[in-house]
Amino acid sequence: MDGKGYCLCSGEESNELIKVLDPGEKIAYWSLFSVPEDLEAITVEIPNFDPIEDIPIS
């Protein structure tokens, strides 16, 4: 969240995000997170999907 409480991501509120895509349809979302400087990789967890592990941070 920024200083005004807005999400630093694709939509200001989660209900603005598309929840269902048609087969073959694509959409990009992004989020900005603060992480410790010594962190080299993260795991992303998305509901209903397997975790995506060891994503390098640059």
N, C-alpha and C. Protein backbone atom coordinates (compact mmCIF):
# COMPACT_ATOMS: atom_id res chain seq x y z
N MET A 1 0.84 -1.18 0.00
CA MET A 1 0.00 0.00 0.00
C MET A 1 0.89 1.24 0.00
N ASP A 2 0.40 2.26 -0.66
CA ASP A 2 1.14 3.51 -0.62
C ASP A 2 0.73 4.31 0.62
N GLY A 3 1.22 5.53 0.75
CA GLY A 3 0.94 6.34 1.92
C GLY A 3 -0.52 6.69 2.10
N LYS A 4 -1.32 6.57 1.04
CA LYS A 4 -2.76 6.86 1.12
C LYS A 4 -3.60 5.59 1.26
N GLY A 5 -2.93 4.44 1.36
CA GLY A 5 -3.64 3.18 1.54
C GLY A 5 -4.07 2.50 0.26
N TYR A 6 -3.56 2.97 -0.91
CA TYR A 6 -3.90 2.34 -2.17
C TYR A 6 -2.92 1.21 -2.48
N CYS A 7 -3.43 0.15 -3.08
CA CYS A 7 -2.62 -0.99 -3.47
C CYS A 7 -1.65 -0.59 -4.58
N LEU A 8 -0.39 -0.96 -4.44
CA LEU A 8 0.59 -0.76 -5.50
C LEU A 8 0.56 -1.99 -6.39
N CYS A 9 -0.52 -2.10 -7.18
CA CYS A 9 -0.76 -3.28 -8.00
C CYS A 9 -1.66 -2.93 -9.18
N SER A 10 -2.12 -3.93 -9.90
CA SER A 10 -2.92 -3.73 -11.10
C SER A 10 -4.25 -3.04 -10.85
N GLY A 11 -4.85 -3.23 -9.69
CA GLY A 11 -6.12 -2.60 -9.37
C GLY A 11 -6.10 -2.07 -7.96
N GLU A 12 -6.76 -0.96 -7.72
CA GLU A 12 -6.73 -0.36 -6.39
C GLU A 12 -7.42 -1.23 -5.36
N GLU A 13 -8.40 -2.02 -5.79
CA GLU A 13 -9.09 -2.93 -4.87
C GLU A 13 -9.23 -4.28 -5.54
N SER A 14 -9.16 -5.33 -4.75
CA SER A 14 -9.15 -6.67 -5.32
C SER A 14 -10.41 -6.97 -6.13
N ASN A 15 -11.54 -6.34 -5.83
CA ASN A 15 -12.76 -6.64 -6.59
C ASN A 15 -12.73 -6.04 -7.99
N GLU A 16 -11.70 -5.24 -8.33
CA GLU A 16 -11.55 -4.73 -9.69
C GLU A 16 -10.87 -5.74 -10.60
N LEU A 17 -10.30 -6.80 -10.02
CA LEU A 17 -9.57 -7.77 -10.81
C LEU A 17 -10.54 -8.77 -11.44
N ILE A 18 -10.22 -9.19 -12.65
CA ILE A 18 -11.04 -10.19 -13.34
C ILE A 18 -10.82 -11.53 -12.66
N LYS A 19 -11.88 -12.22 -12.28
CA LYS A 19 -11.76 -13.47 -11.55
C LYS A 19 -11.90 -14.70 -12.45
N VAL A 20 -12.48 -14.54 -13.64
CA VAL A 20 -12.68 -15.68 -14.53
C VAL A 20 -12.21 -15.28 -15.92
N LEU A 21 -11.39 -16.14 -16.52
CA LEU A 21 -10.95 -15.92 -17.89
C LEU A 21 -11.49 -17.04 -18.76
N ASP A 22 -11.80 -16.73 -20.01
CA ASP A 22 -12.21 -17.76 -20.96
C ASP A 22 -11.00 -18.57 -21.38
N PRO A 23 -11.20 -19.82 -21.82
CA PRO A 23 -10.08 -20.65 -22.27
C PRO A 23 -9.24 -19.91 -23.31
N GLY A 24 -7.93 -19.89 -23.10
CA GLY A 24 -7.01 -19.24 -24.03
C GLY A 24 -6.84 -17.74 -23.79
N GLU A 25 -7.68 -17.17 -22.96
CA GLU A 25 -7.60 -15.73 -22.67
C GLU A 25 -6.45 -15.47 -21.70
N LYS A 26 -5.77 -14.34 -21.86
CA LYS A 26 -4.65 -13.98 -20.99
C LYS A 26 -4.86 -12.59 -20.42
N ILE A 27 -4.27 -12.37 -19.25
CA ILE A 27 -4.28 -11.05 -18.63
C ILE A 27 -3.05 -10.94 -17.74
N ALA A 28 -2.50 -9.76 -17.65
CA ALA A 28 -1.31 -9.55 -16.80
C ALA A 28 -1.70 -8.72 -15.59
N TYR A 29 -1.24 -9.15 -14.42
CA TYR A 29 -1.40 -8.39 -13.18
C TYR A 29 -0.01 -8.16 -12.61
N TRP A 30 0.15 -7.12 -11.84
CA TRP A 30 1.42 -6.86 -11.20
C TRP A 30 1.18 -6.33 -9.79
N SER A 31 2.16 -6.53 -8.95
CA SER A 31 2.15 -6.00 -7.58
C SER A 31 3.57 -5.60 -7.22
N LEU A 32 3.69 -4.61 -6.37
CA LEU A 32 4.99 -4.15 -5.90
C LEU A 32 5.09 -4.45 -4.42
N PHE A 33 6.16 -5.13 -4.02
CA PHE A 33 6.38 -5.50 -2.63
C PHE A 33 7.75 -5.02 -2.17
N SER A 34 7.85 -4.66 -0.92
CA SER A 34 9.15 -4.37 -0.31
C SER A 34 9.69 -5.67 0.27
N VAL A 35 10.96 -5.94 0.00
CA VAL A 35 11.60 -7.15 0.53
C VAL A 35 12.94 -6.75 1.12
N PRO A 36 13.45 -7.55 2.06
CA PRO A 36 14.78 -7.27 2.61
C PRO A 36 15.84 -7.30 1.52
N GLU A 37 16.85 -6.45 1.65
CA GLU A 37 17.89 -6.35 0.63
C GLU A 37 18.65 -7.65 0.41
N ASP A 38 18.78 -8.48 1.44
CA ASP A 38 19.57 -9.72 1.30
C ASP A 38 18.75 -10.89 0.76
N LEU A 39 17.48 -10.66 0.44
CA LEU A 39 16.63 -11.72 -0.11
C LEU A 39 16.96 -11.91 -1.59
N GLU A 40 17.24 -13.14 -1.99
CA GLU A 40 17.64 -13.42 -3.37
C GLU A 40 16.55 -14.05 -4.22
N ALA A 41 15.56 -14.71 -3.58
CA ALA A 41 14.49 -15.37 -4.33
C ALA A 41 13.24 -15.44 -3.46
N ILE A 42 12.08 -15.59 -4.10
CA ILE A 42 10.81 -15.70 -3.39
C ILE A 42 9.99 -16.86 -3.95
N THR A 43 8.95 -17.21 -3.23
CA THR A 43 7.95 -18.17 -3.69
C THR A 43 6.63 -17.41 -3.81
N VAL A 44 5.97 -17.53 -4.96
CA VAL A 44 4.67 -16.89 -5.18
C VAL A 44 3.59 -17.94 -5.02
N GLU A 45 2.61 -17.63 -4.19
CA GLU A 45 1.48 -18.55 -3.97
C GLU A 45 0.20 -17.87 -4.43
N ILE A 46 -0.50 -18.51 -5.36
CA ILE A 46 -1.76 -18.02 -5.92
C ILE A 46 -2.81 -19.07 -5.62
N PRO A 47 -3.95 -18.68 -5.03
CA PRO A 47 -4.99 -19.67 -4.72
C PRO A 47 -5.34 -20.52 -5.94
N ASN A 48 -5.49 -21.82 -5.72
CA ASN A 48 -5.87 -22.81 -6.73
C ASN A 48 -4.76 -23.16 -7.71
N PHE A 49 -3.51 -22.74 -7.44
CA PHE A 49 -2.37 -23.07 -8.28
C PHE A 49 -1.25 -23.60 -7.40
N ASP A 50 -0.35 -24.38 -7.98
CA ASP A 50 0.84 -24.80 -7.25
C ASP A 50 1.73 -23.60 -7.02
N PRO A 51 2.47 -23.57 -5.91
CA PRO A 51 3.42 -22.47 -5.66
C PRO A 51 4.48 -22.40 -6.76
N ILE A 52 4.91 -21.20 -7.07
CA ILE A 52 6.01 -20.97 -8.02
C ILE A 52 7.21 -20.62 -7.14
N GLU A 53 8.18 -21.53 -7.08
CA GLU A 53 9.27 -21.41 -6.13
C GLU A 53 10.55 -20.85 -6.75
N ASP A 54 11.37 -20.25 -5.89
CA ASP A 54 12.71 -19.78 -6.24
C ASP A 54 12.74 -18.79 -7.39
N ILE A 55 11.85 -17.80 -7.35
CA ILE A 55 11.85 -16.74 -8.35
C ILE A 55 12.93 -15.73 -7.96
N PRO A 56 13.94 -15.52 -8.82
CA PRO A 56 15.00 -14.59 -8.47
C PRO A 56 14.50 -13.15 -8.35
N ILE A 57 15.08 -12.44 -7.40
CA ILE A 57 14.77 -11.02 -7.22
C ILE A 57 15.97 -10.21 -7.69
N SER A 58 15.71 -9.21 -8.51
CA SER A 58 16.81 -8.36 -8.98
C SER A 58 16.50 -6.90 -8.70
